[in-house]
């Protein structure tokens, strides 16, 4: 009986030691991704499209990728829509324009560069 208990405890301990690093890494990566999304939203609304309504559509996974002498450590692709007012024949109508950006981050997850691709 004692041997079965010890074996079960050892197996459980071994399993937890194997799975714990995976859980911790997943949580850290999730936190970094959420932080990156918040920084992107702030960057778009305060620097790129100030005063225009912003609607996030999708985000890619946060990927690591260093560029020498640039301070870039990671990047994420983001699709969103900006609502602009267009005047046609004297009528003003809101139009949503889709955009696709790649945002590059430094080690503190601050946006250091953004590249865009306008898509219809």
Protein backbone atom coordinates (compact mmCIF):
# COMPACT_ATOMS: atom_id res chain seq x y z
CA UNK A 1 0.00 0.00 0.00
CA UNK A 2 2.79 2.42 0.91
CA UNK A 3 4.70 1.48 -2.23
CA UNK A 4 1.68 2.25 -4.44
CA UNK A 5 1.26 5.62 -2.72
CA UNK A 6 4.94 6.51 -3.19
CA UNK A 7 4.85 5.48 -6.83
CA UNK A 8 1.75 7.56 -7.47
CA UNK A 9 3.26 10.60 -5.74
CA UNK A 10 6.48 10.22 -7.72
CA UNK A 11 4.59 9.98 -11.03
CA UNK A 12 2.48 12.99 -10.17
CA UNK A 13 5.55 15.00 -9.13
CA UNK A 14 7.39 14.03 -12.30
CA UNK A 15 4.39 14.98 -14.45
CA UNK A 16 4.04 18.36 -12.74
CA UNK A 17 7.74 19.08 -13.14
CA UNK A 18 7.44 18.35 -16.86
CA UNK A 19 4.29 20.39 -17.45
CA UNK A 20 5.09 23.40 -15.22
CA UNK A 21 7.65 25.04 -17.57
CA UNK A 22 5.21 24.74 -20.47
CA UNK A 23 2.45 26.45 -18.48
CA UNK A 24 4.76 29.21 -17.27
CA UNK A 25 6.10 29.92 -20.76
CA UNK A 26 2.58 29.99 -22.20
CA UNK A 27 1.48 32.49 -19.55
CA UNK A 28 4.50 34.74 -20.11
CA UNK A 29 3.97 34.69 -23.89
CA UNK A 30 0.26 35.43 -23.44
CA UNK A 31 1.06 38.35 -21.17
CA UNK A 32 3.58 39.71 -23.69
CA UNK A 33 1.03 39.36 -26.49
CA UNK A 34 -1.65 41.17 -24.50
CA UNK A 35 0.81 43.93 -23.61
CA UNK A 36 1.80 44.23 -27.29
CA UNK A 37 -1.86 44.54 -28.31
CA UNK A 38 -2.41 47.32 -25.78
CA UNK A 39 0.67 49.16 -27.05
CA UNK A 40 -0.46 48.77 -30.66
CA UNK A 41 -3.89 50.17 -29.88
CA UNK A 42 -2.36 53.17 -28.12
CA UNK A 43 0.15 53.72 -30.95
CA UNK A 44 -2.57 53.69 -33.61
CA UNK A 45 -4.96 56.01 -31.78
CA UNK A 46 -2.34 58.52 -30.62
CA UNK A 47 0.24 58.58 -33.41
CA UNK A 48 -0.98 57.07 -36.66
CA UNK A 49 -4.70 57.83 -36.92
CA UNK A 50 -5.29 60.44 -34.26
CA UNK A 51 -8.96 61.37 -34.03
CA UNK A 52 -10.28 58.55 -36.22
CA UNK A 53 -12.36 55.65 -34.92
CA UNK A 54 -10.28 52.46 -34.76
CA UNK A 55 -11.61 48.91 -34.90
CA UNK A 56 -9.20 45.98 -34.42
CA UNK A 57 -9.89 43.01 -36.70
CA UNK A 58 -7.13 40.47 -36.08
CA UNK A 59 -3.65 39.94 -34.67
CA UNK A 60 -1.05 37.37 -35.56
CA UNK A 61 1.04 35.59 -32.96
CA UNK A 62 3.81 37.60 -31.35
CA UNK A 63 6.99 36.42 -33.05
CA UNK A 64 10.56 36.99 -31.98
CA UNK A 65 12.95 38.29 -34.57
CA UNK A 66 15.99 40.41 -33.84
CA UNK A 67 17.44 42.94 -36.21
CA UNK A 68 20.99 44.02 -35.57
CA UNK A 69 21.55 47.61 -34.44
CA UNK A 70 17.81 48.39 -34.43
CA UNK A 71 16.76 47.22 -30.97
CA UNK A 72 13.92 45.17 -32.45
CA UNK A 73 13.25 41.93 -30.60
CA UNK A 74 9.77 40.92 -31.76
CA UNK A 75 6.96 41.76 -34.16
CA UNK A 76 3.26 41.19 -34.70
CA UNK A 77 0.97 41.60 -37.71
CA UNK A 78 -2.29 43.46 -37.14
CA UNK A 79 -5.34 44.04 -39.33
CA UNK A 80 -7.74 46.83 -38.42
CA UNK A 81 -10.21 49.32 -39.85
CA UNK A 82 -10.21 53.10 -39.64
CA UNK A 83 -13.47 54.95 -40.19
CA UNK A 84 -13.01 58.05 -42.34
CA UNK A 85 -15.59 60.52 -43.63
CA UNK A 86 -15.71 60.88 -47.39
CA UNK A 87 -17.64 63.56 -49.23
CA UNK A 88 -19.32 62.46 -52.44
CA UNK A 89 -21.62 64.84 -54.32
CA UNK A 90 -21.97 67.03 -51.25
CA UNK A 91 -22.88 64.15 -48.94
CA UNK A 92 -20.68 63.00 -46.11
CA UNK A 93 -20.58 59.27 -45.54
CA UNK A 94 -18.46 57.21 -43.13
CA UNK A 95 -16.22 54.71 -44.90
CA UNK A 96 -14.25 51.96 -43.19
CA UNK A 97 -10.82 51.42 -44.70
CA UNK A 98 -8.99 48.18 -43.91
CA UNK A 99 -5.30 48.32 -43.07
CA UNK A 100 -2.63 45.73 -42.45
CA UNK A 101 0.39 46.75 -40.37
CA UNK A 102 3.43 45.00 -39.00
CA UNK A 103 4.49 46.45 -35.64
CA UNK A 104 8.04 45.96 -34.36
CA UNK A 105 8.87 46.05 -30.65
CA UNK A 106 11.97 46.52 -28.52
CA UNK A 107 12.76 44.41 -25.44
CA UNK A 108 10.38 46.54 -23.33
CA UNK A 109 7.54 45.87 -25.80
CA UNK A 110 7.45 49.48 -26.97
CA UNK A 111 6.55 50.03 -30.64
CA UNK A 112 9.70 51.17 -32.43
CA UNK A 113 8.56 50.83 -36.03
CA UNK A 114 5.40 50.19 -38.03
CA UNK A 115 5.09 49.18 -41.67
CA UNK A 116 1.80 49.27 -43.52
CA UNK A 117 0.11 47.63 -46.44
CA UNK A 118 -3.19 49.16 -47.56
CA UNK A 119 -5.66 46.48 -48.60
CA UNK A 120 -9.06 46.77 -50.26
